[in-house]
PDB file of N, CA and C in Angstrom:
ATOM      1  N   UNK A   1      37.882  17.610 -45.748  1.00  0.00           N
ATOM      2  CA  UNK A   1      37.890  16.364 -44.928  1.00  0.00           C
ATOM      3  C   UNK A   1      38.256  16.179 -43.868  1.00  0.00           C
ATOM      4  N   UNK A   2      39.822  16.783 -43.530  1.00  0.00           N
ATOM      5  CA  UNK A   2      40.119  16.461 -42.007  1.00  0.00           C
ATOM      6  C   UNK A   2      39.449  17.232 -41.172  1.00  0.00           C
ATOM      7  N   UNK A   3      38.510  18.358 -41.147  1.00  0.00           N
ATOM      8  CA  UNK A   3      37.833  19.090 -40.252  1.00  0.00           C
ATOM      9  C   UNK A   3      36.335  18.147 -40.035  1.00  0.00           C
ATOM     10  N   UNK A   4      35.934  17.571 -41.156  1.00  0.00           N
ATOM     11  CA  UNK A   4      34.834  16.535 -40.626  1.00  0.00           C
ATOM     12  C   UNK A   4      35.326  15.299 -40.004  1.00  0.00           C
ATOM     13  N   UNK A   5      36.349  14.778 -40.058  1.00  0.00           N
ATOM     14  CA  UNK A   5      36.951  13.646 -39.394  1.00  0.00           C
ATOM     15  C   UNK A   5      37.480  14.133 -38.003  1.00  0.00           C
ATOM     16  N   UNK A   6      37.975  15.247 -37.911  1.00  0.00           N
ATOM     17  CA  UNK A   6      38.235  15.726 -36.597  1.00  0.00           C
ATOM     18  C   UNK A   6      36.858  16.177 -35.743  1.00  0.00           C
ATOM     19  N   UNK A   7      35.756  16.802 -36.443  1.00  0.00           N
ATOM     20  CA  UNK A   7      34.394  16.866 -35.679  1.00  0.00           C
ATOM     21  C   UNK A   7      34.030  15.639 -35.433  1.00  0.00           C
ATOM     22  N   UNK A   8      33.847  14.653 -36.181  1.00  0.00           N
ATOM     23  CA  UNK A   8      33.249  13.106 -35.745  1.00  0.00           C
ATOM     24  C   UNK A   8      34.182  12.354 -34.549  1.00  0.00           C
ATOM     25  N   UNK A   9      35.658  12.671 -34.811  1.00  0.00           N
ATOM     26  CA  UNK A   9      36.215  12.321 -33.571  1.00  0.00           C
ATOM     27  C   UNK A   9      35.915  12.872 -32.194  1.00  0.00           C
ATOM     28  N   UNK A  10      35.633  14.126 -32.335  1.00  0.00           N
ATOM     29  CA  UNK A  10      35.495  14.894 -31.174  1.00  0.00           C
ATOM     30  C   UNK A  10      34.115  14.495 -30.584  1.00  0.00           C
ATOM     31  N   UNK A  11      33.087  14.370 -31.569  1.00  0.00           N
ATOM     32  CA  UNK A  11      31.727  13.696 -31.229  1.00  0.00           C
ATOM     33  C   UNK A  11      31.942  12.790 -30.369  1.00  0.00           C
ATOM     34  N   UNK A  12      32.732  11.455 -30.843  1.00  0.00           N
ATOM     35  CA  UNK A  12      32.713  10.451 -30.373  1.00  0.00           C
ATOM     36  C   UNK A  12      32.953  10.458 -28.865  1.00  0.00           C
ATOM     37  N   UNK A  13      34.346  11.272 -28.866  1.00  0.00           N
ATOM     38  CA  UNK A  13      35.035  11.505 -27.748  1.00  0.00           C
ATOM     39  C   UNK A  13      33.882  11.949 -26.655  1.00  0.00           C
ATOM     40  N   UNK A  14      33.391  13.065 -27.081  1.00  0.00           N
ATOM     41  CA  UNK A  14      32.272  13.635 -26.197  1.00  0.00           C
ATOM     42  C   UNK A  14      31.159  12.667 -25.699  1.00  0.00           C
ATOM     43  N   UNK A  15      30.928  11.805 -26.724  1.00  0.00           N
ATOM     44  CA  UNK A  15      29.944  10.888 -26.396  1.00  0.00           C
ATOM     45  C   UNK A  15      30.260   9.800 -25.437  1.00  0.00           C
ATOM     46  N   UNK A  16      31.664   9.464 -25.375  1.00  0.00           N
ATOM     47  CA  UNK A  16      32.381   8.267 -24.123  1.00  0.00           C
ATOM     48  C   UNK A  16      32.172   8.862 -23.266  1.00  0.00           C
ATOM     49  N   UNK A  17      32.639  10.253 -22.925  1.00  0.00           N
ATOM     50  CA  UNK A  17      32.538  10.998 -21.586  1.00  0.00           C
ATOM     51  C   UNK A  17      31.262  11.131 -21.151  1.00  0.00           C
ATOM     52  N   UNK A  18      30.127  11.553 -21.966  1.00  0.00           N
ATOM     53  CA  UNK A  18      28.786  11.579 -21.323  1.00  0.00           C
ATOM     54  C   UNK A  18      28.572  10.084 -20.828  1.00  0.00           C
ATOM     55  N   UNK A  19      28.720   9.051 -21.807  1.00  0.00           N
ATOM     56  CA  UNK A  19      28.093   7.915 -21.067  1.00  0.00           C
ATOM     57  C   UNK A  19      28.738   7.424 -19.616  1.00  0.00           C
ATOM     58  N   UNK A  20      30.116   7.687 -19.716  1.00  0.00           N
ATOM     59  CA  UNK A  20      30.708   7.469 -18.268  1.00  0.00           C
ATOM     60  C   UNK A  20      30.429   8.211 -17.295  1.00  0.00           C
ATOM     61  N   UNK A  21      29.959   9.694 -17.659  1.00  0.00           N
ATOM     62  CA  UNK A  21      29.340  10.496 -16.608  1.00  0.00           C
ATOM     63  C   UNK A  21      27.883  10.115 -15.825  1.00  0.00           C
ATOM     64  N   UNK A  22      27.171   9.631 -16.929  1.00  0.00           N
ATOM     65  CA  UNK A  22      25.843   8.953 -16.541  1.00  0.00           C
ATOM     66  C   UNK A  22      26.136   7.722 -15.719  1.00  0.00           C
ATOM     67  N   UNK A  23      27.014   6.754 -16.268  1.00  0.00           N
ATOM     68  CA  UNK A  23      27.066   5.580 -15.497  1.00  0.00           C
ATOM     69  C   UNK A  23      28.052   5.084 -14.346  1.00  0.00           C
ATOM     70  N   UNK A  24      29.100   6.009 -14.212  1.00  0.00           N
ATOM     71  CA  UNK A  24      29.757   5.936 -12.952  1.00  0.00           C
ATOM     72  C   UNK A  24      28.944   5.999 -11.838  1.00  0.00           C
ATOM     73  N   UNK A  25      28.256   6.832 -11.719  1.00  0.00           N
ATOM     74  CA  UNK A  25      27.331   7.237 -10.234  1.00  0.00           C
ATOM     75  C   UNK A  25      26.523   6.117  -9.922  1.00  0.00           C
ATOM     76  N   UNK A  26      26.056   5.408 -11.239  1.00  0.00           N
ATOM     77  CA  UNK A  26      25.124   4.449 -10.927  1.00  0.00           C
ATOM     78  C   UNK A  26      25.828   2.961 -10.392  1.00  0.00           C
ATOM     79  N   UNK A  27      27.019   2.820 -10.627  1.00  0.00           N
ATOM     80  CA  UNK A  27      28.134   1.723 -10.482  1.00  0.00           C
ATOM     81  C   UNK A  27      28.622   2.128  -8.574  1.00  0.00           C
ATOM     82  N   UNK A  28      28.472   3.447  -8.635  1.00  0.00           N
ATOM     83  CA  UNK A  28      29.358   4.004  -7.491  1.00  0.00           C
ATOM     84  C   UNK A  28      28.363   3.514  -6.038  1.00  0.00           C
ATOM     85  N   UNK A  29      26.986   3.744  -6.557  1.00  0.00           N
ATOM     86  CA  UNK A  29      25.828   3.584  -5.692  1.00  0.00           C
ATOM     87  C   UNK A  29      25.653   2.138  -5.270  1.00  0.00           C
ATOM     88  N   UNK A  30      25.613   1.438  -6.344  1.00  0.00           N
ATOM     89  CA  UNK A  30      25.644  -0.071  -6.338  1.00  0.00           C
ATOM     90  C   UNK A  30      26.987  -0.432  -5.222  1.00  0.00           C
ATOM     91  N   UNK A  31      27.901   0.194  -5.354  1.00  0.00           N
ATOM     92  CA  UNK A  31      29.181  -0.263  -4.501  1.00  0.00           C
ATOM     93  C   UNK A  31      28.959  -0.101  -2.921  1.00  0.00           C
ATOM     94  N   UNK A  32      28.358   1.290  -2.859  1.00  0.00           N
ATOM     95  CA  UNK A  32      27.903   1.603  -1.602  1.00  0.00           C
ATOM     96  C   UNK A  32      26.865   0.872  -0.897  1.00  0.00           C
ATOM     97  N   UNK A  33      25.767   0.324  -1.885  1.00  0.00           N
ATOM     98  CA  UNK A  33      24.754  -0.518  -1.085  1.00  0.00           C
ATOM     99  C   UNK A  33      25.741  -1.608  -0.513  1.00  0.00           C
ATOM    100  N   UNK A  34      26.492  -2.397  -1.467  1.00  0.00           N
ATOM    101  CA  UNK A  34      27.076  -3.574  -1.225  1.00  0.00           C
ATOM    102  C   UNK A  34      27.864  -3.303   0.287  1.00  0.00           C
ATOM    103  N   UNK A  35      28.553  -2.274   0.412  1.00  0.00           N
ATOM    104  CA  UNK A  35      29.347  -2.119   1.582  1.00  0.00           C
ATOM    105  C   UNK A  35      28.153  -1.964   2.913  1.00  0.00           C
ATOM    106  N   UNK A  36      27.239  -0.896   2.414  1.00  0.00           N
ATOM    107  CA  UNK A  36      26.122  -1.133   3.420  1.00  0.00           C
ATOM    108  C   UNK A  36      25.571  -2.395   4.002  1.00  0.00           C
ATOM    109  N   UNK A  37      25.219  -3.135   3.119  1.00  0.00           N
ATOM    110  CA  UNK A  37      24.834  -4.258   3.246  1.00  0.00           C
ATOM    111  C   UNK A  37      25.843  -5.398   4.069  1.00  0.00           C
ATOM    112  N   UNK A  38      27.130  -4.985   3.461  1.00  0.00           N
ATOM    113  CA  UNK A  38      28.049  -5.834   4.482  1.00  0.00           C
ATOM    114  C   UNK A  38      28.316  -5.355   5.742  1.00  0.00           C
ATOM    115  N   UNK A  39      28.351  -4.152   6.207  1.00  0.00           N
ATOM    116  CA  UNK A  39      28.292  -3.457   7.495  1.00  0.00           C
ATOM    117  C   UNK A  39      27.010  -4.159   8.273  1.00  0.00           C
ATOM    118  N   UNK A  40      25.937  -4.172   7.735  1.00  0.00           N
ATOM    119  CA  UNK A  40      24.434  -4.569   8.355  1.00  0.00           C
ATOM    120  C   UNK A  40      24.785  -5.880   8.631  1.00  0.00           C
ATOM    121  N   UNK A  41      25.101  -6.911   7.699  1.00  0.00           N
ATOM    122  CA  UNK A  41      25.518  -8.212   7.985  1.00  0.00           C
ATOM    123  C   UNK A  41      26.616  -8.407   9.281  1.00  0.00           C
ATOM    124  N   UNK A  42      27.540  -8.102   9.220  1.00  0.00           N
ATOM    125  CA  UNK A  42      28.484  -7.923  10.355  1.00  0.00           C
ATOM    126  C   UNK A  42      28.126  -7.601  11.373  1.00  0.00           C
ATOM    127  N   UNK A  43      27.605  -6.275  11.568  1.00  0.00           N
ATOM    128  CA  UNK A  43      27.114  -5.802  12.716  1.00  0.00           C
ATOM    129  C   UNK A  43      26.028  -6.806  13.620  1.00  0.00           C
ATOM    130  N   UNK A  44      25.140  -7.233  12.862  1.00  0.00           N
ATOM    131  CA  UNK A  44      24.239  -7.825  13.083  1.00  0.00           C
ATOM    132  C   UNK A  44      24.322  -9.401  13.451  1.00  0.00           C
ATOM    133  N   UNK A  45      25.589  -9.943  13.111  1.00  0.00           N
ATOM    134  CA  UNK A  45      25.671 -11.375  13.453  1.00  0.00           C
ATOM    135  C   UNK A  45      25.595 -11.674  14.901  1.00  0.00           C
ATOM    136  N   UNK A  46      26.088 -10.561  15.526  1.00  0.00           N
ATOM    137  CA  UNK A  46      26.047 -10.789  17.013  1.00  0.00           C
ATOM    138  C   UNK A  46      24.959 -10.235  17.562  1.00  0.00           C
ATOM    139  N   UNK A  47      23.824  -9.684  17.200  1.00  0.00           N
ATOM    140  CA  UNK A  47      23.028  -9.084  17.889  1.00  0.00           C
ATOM    141  C   UNK A  47      21.810  -9.706  17.456  1.00  0.00           C
ATOM    142  N   UNK A  48      20.550  -9.317  18.043  1.00  0.00           N
ATOM    143  CA  UNK A  48      19.161  -9.815  18.049  1.00  0.00           C
ATOM    144  C   UNK A  48      18.396  -8.937  16.928  1.00  0.00           C
ATOM    145  N   UNK A  49      18.919  -8.209  16.505  1.00  0.00           N
ATOM    146  CA  UNK A  49      18.136  -7.205  15.482  1.00  0.00           C
ATOM    147  C   UNK A  49      17.167  -8.069  14.442  1.00  0.00           C
ATOM    148  N   UNK A  50      15.752  -7.966  14.370  1.00  0.00           N
ATOM    149  CA  UNK A  50      15.272  -8.619  13.448  1.00  0.00           C
ATOM    150  C   UNK A  50      15.386  -8.375  11.818  1.00  0.00           C
ATOM    151  N   UNK A  51      14.921  -9.464  11.206  1.00  0.00           N
ATOM    152  CA  UNK A  51      15.286  -9.467   9.660  1.00  0.00           C
ATOM    153  C   UNK A  51      14.527  -7.964   9.180  1.00  0.00           C
ATOM    154  N   UNK A  52      13.158  -8.042   9.525  1.00  0.00           N
ATOM    155  CA  UNK A  52      12.464  -6.713   9.234  1.00  0.00           C
ATOM    156  C   UNK A  52      13.373  -5.329   9.594  1.00  0.00           C
ATOM    157  N   UNK A  53      14.120  -5.228  10.770  1.00  0.00           N
ATOM    158  CA  UNK A  53      14.818  -4.293  11.079  1.00  0.00           C
ATOM    159  C   UNK A  53      16.013  -3.995  10.183  1.00  0.00           C
ATOM    160  N   UNK A  54      16.603  -4.893   9.910  1.00  0.00           N
ATOM    161  CA  UNK A  54      17.621  -4.982   8.824  1.00  0.00           C
ATOM    162  C   UNK A  54      16.929  -4.635   7.485  1.00  0.00           C
ATOM    163  N   UNK A  55      16.099  -5.182   7.020  1.00  0.00           N
ATOM    164  CA  UNK A  55      15.499  -5.026   5.960  1.00  0.00           C
ATOM    165  C   UNK A  55      15.336  -3.115   5.902  1.00  0.00           C
ATOM    166  N   UNK A  56      14.839  -2.728   7.055  1.00  0.00           N
ATOM    167  CA  UNK A  56      14.199  -1.385   7.027  1.00  0.00           C
ATOM    168  C   UNK A  56      15.496  -0.472   7.056  1.00  0.00           C
ATOM    169  N   UNK A  57      16.460  -0.850   7.371  1.00  0.00           N
ATOM    170  CA  UNK A  57      17.861   0.081   7.662  1.00  0.00           C
ATOM    171  C   UNK A  57      18.489  -0.198   6.099  1.00  0.00           C
ATOM    172  N   UNK A  58      18.516  -1.105   5.477  1.00  0.00           N
ATOM    173  CA  UNK A  58      18.996  -1.157   4.235  1.00  0.00           C
ATOM    174  C   UNK A  58      18.330  -0.429   3.042  1.00  0.00           C
ATOM    175  N   UNK A  59      16.895  -0.623   3.416  1.00  0.00           N
ATOM    176  CA  UNK A  59      15.870   0.324   2.764  1.00  0.00           C
ATOM    177  C   UNK A  59      16.568   1.632   2.495  1.00  0.00           C
ATOM    178  N   UNK A  60      16.227   2.349   3.638  1.00  0.00           N
ATOM    179  CA  UNK A  60      16.633   3.797   4.256  1.00  0.00           C
ATOM    180  C   UNK A  60      17.927   4.045   3.520  1.00  0.00           C
ATOM    181  N   UNK A  61      19.213   3.466   3.526  1.00  0.00           N
ATOM    182  CA  UNK A  61      20.464   3.570   3.022  1.00  0.00           C
ATOM    183  C   UNK A  61      20.164   3.584   1.582  1.00  0.00           C
ATOM    184  N   UNK A  62      19.554   2.722   1.012  1.00  0.00           N
ATOM    185  CA  UNK A  62      19.072   2.371  -0.495  1.00  0.00           C
ATOM    186  C   UNK A  62      18.434   3.901  -0.882  1.00  0.00           C
ATOM    187  N   UNK A  63      17.574   4.397  -0.255  1.00  0.00           N
ATOM    188  CA  UNK A  63      16.682   5.611  -0.601  1.00  0.00           C
ATOM    189  C   UNK A  63      17.418   6.713  -0.768  1.00  0.00           C
ATOM    190  N   UNK A  64      18.285   6.767   0.615  1.00  0.00           N
ATOM    191  CA  UNK A  64      19.308   7.940   0.537  1.00  0.00           C
ATOM    192  C   UNK A  64      20.244   8.328  -0.446  1.00  0.00           C
ATOM    193  N   UNK A  65      20.755   6.863  -1.090  1.00  0.00           N
ATOM    194  CA  UNK A  65      21.525   6.821  -2.441  1.00  0.00           C
ATOM    195  C   UNK A  65      20.831   6.826  -3.766  1.00  0.00           C
ATOM    196  N   UNK A  66      19.195   7.045  -3.506  1.00  0.00           N
ATOM    197  CA  UNK A  66      18.689   7.060  -4.549  1.00  0.00           C
ATOM    198  C   UNK A  66      18.585   5.728  -5.500  1.00  0.00           C
ATOM    199  N   UNK A  67      18.501   4.731  -4.966  1.00  0.00           N
ATOM    200  CA  UNK A  67      18.656   3.431  -5.682  1.00  0.00           C
ATOM    201  C   UNK A  67      17.631   2.913  -5.768  1.00  0.00           C
ATOM    202  N   UNK A  68      16.676   2.641  -7.017  1.00  0.00           N
ATOM    203  CA  UNK A  68      15.294   2.335  -7.186  1.00  0.00           C
ATOM    204  C   UNK A  68      14.773   0.771  -6.604  1.00  0.00           C
ATOM    205  N   UNK A  69      14.591   0.672  -5.295  1.00  0.00           N
ATOM    206  CA  UNK A  69      14.353  -0.502  -4.778  1.00  0.00           C
ATOM    207  C   UNK A  69      13.174  -0.370  -4.133  1.00  0.00           C
ATOM    208  N   UNK A  70      12.590  -1.402  -3.782  1.00  0.00           N
ATOM    209  CA  UNK A  70      11.267  -1.629  -2.593  1.00  0.00           C
ATOM    210  C   UNK A  70      11.661  -2.555  -1.553  1.00  0.00           C
ATOM    211  N   UNK A  71      10.997  -2.188  -0.665  1.00  0.00           N
ATOM    212  CA  UNK A  71      11.508  -3.447   0.424  1.00  0.00           C
ATOM    213  C   UNK A  71      11.311  -4.859   0.139  1.00  0.00           C
ATOM    214  N   UNK A  72      10.332  -4.816  -0.700  1.00  0.00           N
ATOM    215  CA  UNK A  72      10.074  -6.387  -0.944  1.00  0.00           C
ATOM    216  C   UNK A  72      11.505  -6.792  -1.937  1.00  0.00           C
ATOM    217  N   UNK A  73      12.019  -6.094  -2.311  1.00  0.00           N
ATOM    218  CA  UNK A  73      13.119  -6.439  -3.225  1.00  0.00           C
ATOM    219  C   UNK A  73      14.708  -7.138  -2.099  1.00  0.00           C
ATOM    220  N   UNK A  74      14.392  -6.656  -1.131  1.00  0.00           N
ATOM    221  CA  UNK A  74      15.602  -6.767   0.000  1.00  0.00           C
ATOM    222  C   UNK A  74      15.399  -7.865   0.511  1.00  0.00           C
ATOM    223  N   UNK A  75      16.122  -9.104   0.713  1.00  0.00           N
ATOM    224  CA  UNK A  75      15.969 -10.053   1.191  1.00  0.00           C
ATOM    225  C   UNK A  75      16.864 -10.461   2.287  1.00  0.00           C
ATOM    226  N   UNK A  76      16.343 -10.658   3.560  1.00  0.00           N
ATOM    227  CA  UNK A  76      17.399 -10.763   4.757  1.00  0.00           C
ATOM    228  C   UNK A  76      16.949 -12.214   5.210  1.00  0.00           C
ATOM    229  N   UNK A  77      18.315 -13.040   5.516  1.00  0.00           N
ATOM    230  CA  UNK A  77      17.685 -14.414   6.405  1.00  0.00           C
ATOM    231  C   UNK A  77      18.883 -14.432   7.380  1.00  0.00           C
ATOM    232  N   UNK A  78      18.336 -14.899   8.426  1.00  0.00           N
ATOM    233  CA  UNK A  78      19.045 -15.158   9.504  1.00  0.00           C
ATOM    234  C   UNK A  78      18.929 -16.528  10.045  1.00  0.00           C
ATOM    235  N   UNK A  79      20.198 -17.503  10.282  1.00  0.00           N
ATOM    236  CA  UNK A  79      19.917 -18.679  10.535  1.00  0.00           C
ATOM    237  C   UNK A  79      20.932 -19.044  11.692  1.00  0.00           C
ATOM    238  N   UNK A  80      20.378 -18.761  12.790  1.00  0.00           N
ATOM    239  CA  UNK A  80      21.452 -18.727  13.893  1.00  0.00           C
ATOM    240  C   UNK A  80      22.357 -17.474  13.946  1.00  0.00           C
ATOM    241  N   UNK A  81      23.474 -17.554  14.023  1.00  0.00           N
ATOM    242  CA  UNK A  81      24.250 -16.416  13.934  1.00  0.00           C
ATOM    243  C   UNK A  81      24.843 -15.844  12.425  1.00  0.00           C
ATOM    244  N   UNK A  82      24.211 -16.697  11.510  1.00  0.00           N
ATOM    245  CA  UNK A  82      24.661 -16.035  10.322  1.00  0.00           C
ATOM    246  C   UNK A  82      23.573 -15.433   9.595  1.00  0.00           C
ATOM    247  N   UNK A  83      24.098 -14.301   8.861  1.00  0.00           N
ATOM    248  CA  UNK A  83      23.083 -13.247   8.410  1.00  0.00           C
ATOM    249  C   UNK A  83      23.775 -13.085   6.949  1.00  0.00           C
ATOM    250  N   UNK A  84      22.515 -13.163   6.121  1.00  0.00           N
ATOM    251  CA  UNK A  84      22.804 -13.242   4.598  1.00  0.00           C
ATOM    252  C   UNK A  84      21.894 -12.262   4.169  1.00  0.00           C
ATOM    253  N   UNK A  85      22.059 -11.044   3.518  1.00  0.00           N
ATOM    254  CA  UNK A  85      21.276 -10.200   2.724  1.00  0.00           C
ATOM    255  C   UNK A  85      21.440 -10.346   1.225  1.00  0.00           C
ATOM    256  N   UNK A  86      20.597 -10.074   0.273  1.00  0.00           N
ATOM    257  CA  UNK A  86      20.528  -9.805  -1.052  1.00  0.00           C
ATOM    258  C   UNK A  86      19.565  -9.233  -1.828  1.00  0.00           C
ATOM    259  N   UNK A  87      19.954  -8.643  -2.768  1.00  0.00           N
ATOM    260  CA  UNK A  87      18.812  -7.424  -3.401  1.00  0.00           C
ATOM    261  C   UNK A  87      19.212  -7.696  -5.189  1.00  0.00           C
ATOM    262  N   UNK A  88      18.261  -7.819  -5.621  1.00  0.00           N
ATOM    263  CA  UNK A  88      18.076  -7.797  -7.177  1.00  0.00           C
ATOM    264  C   UNK A  88      17.580  -6.527  -7.459  1.00  0.00           C
ATOM    265  N   UNK A  89      18.048  -5.739  -8.154  1.00  0.00           N
ATOM    266  CA  UNK A  89      17.130  -4.423  -8.970  1.00  0.00           C
ATOM    267  C   UNK A  89      18.019  -4.229 -10.010  1.00  0.00           C
ATOM    268  N   UNK A  90      17.046  -3.189 -10.658  1.00  0.00           N
ATOM    269  CA  UNK A  90      17.549  -2.761 -12.196  1.00  0.00           C
ATOM    270  C   UNK A  90      16.964  -1.465 -12.223  1.00  0.00           C
ATOM    271  N   UNK A  91      18.279  -0.697 -13.002  1.00  0.00           N
ATOM    272  CA  UNK A  91      18.284   0.425 -12.997  1.00  0.00           C
ATOM    273  C   UNK A  91      18.024   0.922 -14.536  1.00  0.00           C
ATOM    274  N   UNK A  92      17.022   1.688 -15.045  1.00  0.00           N
ATOM    275  CA  UNK A  92      16.880   1.825 -16.470  1.00  0.00           C
ATOM    276  C   UNK A  92      17.764   3.221 -16.704  1.00  0.00           C
ATOM    277  N   UNK A  93      18.613   2.772 -17.584  1.00  0.00           N
ATOM    278  CA  UNK A  93      19.567   3.784 -18.196  1.00  0.00           C
ATOM    279  C   UNK A  93      19.034   4.223 -19.613  1.00  0.00           C
ATOM    280  N   UNK A  94      19.173   5.604 -19.793  1.00  0.00           N
ATOM    281  CA  UNK A  94      18.870   6.410 -21.096  1.00  0.00           C
ATOM    282  C   UNK A  94      19.839   6.980 -21.655  1.00  0.00           C
ATOM    283  N   UNK A  95      20.166   6.924 -22.914  1.00  0.00           N
ATOM    284  CA  UNK A  95      21.042   7.574 -23.533  1.00  0.00           C
ATOM    285  C   UNK A  95      20.088   8.623 -24.780  1.00  0.00           C
ATOM    286  N   UNK A  96      20.853   9.487 -25.195  1.00  0.00           N
ATOM    287  CA  UNK A  96      19.882  10.399 -26.470  1.00  0.00           C
ATOM    288  C   UNK A  96      19.575   9.093 -27.409  1.00  0.00           C
ATOM    289  N   UNK A  97      18.427   8.586 -27.765  1.00  0.00           N
ATOM    290  CA  UNK A  97      18.033   7.480 -28.753  1.00  0.00           C
ATOM    291  C   UNK A  97      18.350   6.281 -28.463  1.00  0.00           C
ATOM    292  N   UNK A  98      18.662   5.642 -27.377  1.00  0.00           N
ATOM    293  CA  UNK A  98      18.814   4.704 -27.065  1.00  0.00           C
ATOM    294  C   UNK A  98      18.778   4.568 -25.377  1.00  0.00           C
ATOM    295  N   UNK A  99      17.884   3.381 -24.933  1.00  0.00           N
ATOM    296  CA  UNK A  99      17.744   3.011 -23.633  1.00  0.00           C
ATOM    297  C   UNK A  99      18.332   1.243 -23.148  1.00  0.00           C
ATOM    298  N   UNK A 100      18.650   1.441 -21.936  1.00  0.00           N
ATOM    299  CA  UNK A 100      18.775  -0.380 -21.581  1.00  0.00           C
ATOM    300  C   UNK A 100      18.576  -0.315 -19.974  1.00  0.00           C
ATOM    301  N   UNK A 101      18.710  -1.557 -19.703  1.00  0.00           N
ATOM    302  CA  UNK A 101      18.631  -1.721 -18.416  1.00  0.00           C
ATOM    303  C   UNK A 101      19.780  -2.509 -17.774  1.00  0.00           C
ATOM    304  N   UNK A 102      20.066  -1.973 -16.479  1.00  0.00           N
ATOM    305  CA  UNK A 102      21.302  -2.472 -15.940  1.00  0.00           C
ATOM    306  C   UNK A 102      21.063  -3.228 -14.495  1.00  0.00           C
ATOM    307  N   UNK A 103      21.593  -4.448 -14.529  1.00  0.00           N
ATOM    308  CA  UNK A 103      20.752  -5.175 -13.753  1.00  0.00           C
ATOM    309  C   UNK A 103      22.074  -5.592 -12.460  1.00  0.00           C
ATOM    310  N   UNK A 104      21.484  -5.242 -11.072  1.00  0.00           N
ATOM    311  CA  UNK A 104      22.572  -5.457 -10.064  1.00  0.00           C
ATOM    312  C   UNK A 104      22.015  -6.609  -8.926  1.00  0.00           C
ATOM    313  N   UNK A 105      23.154  -7.539  -8.348  1.00  0.00           N
ATOM    314  CA  UNK A 105      22.753  -8.368  -7.517  1.00  0.00           C
ATOM    315  C   UNK A 105      23.669  -8.240  -6.733  1.00  0.00           C
ATOM    316  N   UNK A 106      23.633  -7.140  -5.462  1.00  0.00           N
ATOM    317  CA  UNK A 106      24.553  -7.240  -4.653  1.00  0.00           C
ATOM    318  C   UNK A 106      24.243  -8.053  -3.484  1.00  0.00           C
ATOM    319  N   UNK A 107      25.009  -8.646  -2.595  1.00  0.00           N
ATOM    320  CA  UNK A 107      24.865  -9.338  -1.599  1.00  0.00           C
ATOM    321  C   UNK A 107      25.735  -9.716  -0.603  1.00  0.00           C
ATOM    322  N   UNK A 108      25.484 -10.025   0.444  1.00  0.00           N
ATOM    323  CA  UNK A 108      26.532 -10.130   1.679  1.00  0.00           C
ATOM    324  C   UNK A 108      26.124 -11.076   2.733  1.00  0.00           C
ATOM    325  N   UNK A 109      27.124 -12.201   3.234  1.00  0.00           N
ATOM    326  CA  UNK A 109      26.913 -12.643   4.256  1.00  0.00           C
ATOM    327  C   UNK A 109      27.798 -12.828   5.167  1.00  0.00           C
ATOM    328  N   UNK A 110      27.481 -13.043   6.426  1.00  0.00           N
ATOM    329  CA  UNK A 110      28.713 -13.230   7.597  1.00  0.00           C
ATOM    330  C   UNK A 110      28.269 -14.003   8.476  1.00  0.00           C
ATOM    331  N   UNK A 111      28.924 -14.906   9.042  1.00  0.00           N
ATOM    332  CA  UNK A 111      28.851 -15.871   9.969  1.00  0.00           C
ATOM    333  C   UNK A 111      29.589 -15.481  11.166  1.00  0.00           C
ATOM    334  N   UNK A 112      29.104 -15.542  12.560  1.00  0.00           N
ATOM    335  CA  UNK A 112      29.734 -15.342  13.642  1.00  0.00           C
ATOM    336  C   UNK A 112      30.794 -16.233  14.058  1.00  0.00           C
ATOM    337  N   UNK A 113      31.626 -15.992  14.672  1.00  0.00           N
ATOM    338  CA  UNK A 113      32.848 -16.682  14.923  1.00  0.00           C
ATOM    339  C   UNK A 113      32.516 -17.659  15.954  1.00  0.00           C
TER     340      UNK A 113
END
């Protein structure tokens, strides 16, 4: 009986590590995208870079990070010297026997001084 409980405990711990191993990169890439959007908003509060150019820059960075988004999901708004960027996307996460969607909503806003 002790052996069975030890084996079940080991499987539970292995399952937790496997799930963490699969989830951590998804959340890390979301943080990287958030940082890239913040950089883009800060740098372009003082330039005349168009909304489409900013959108394309964010899209390229997201594709480099293998984030599943389209150009249409990237929203960029410039109101004078204020730049707002936001994205809503979903990542399908699959575990053996179970799958679910993780929804992310990174955003950034910067206003020139």
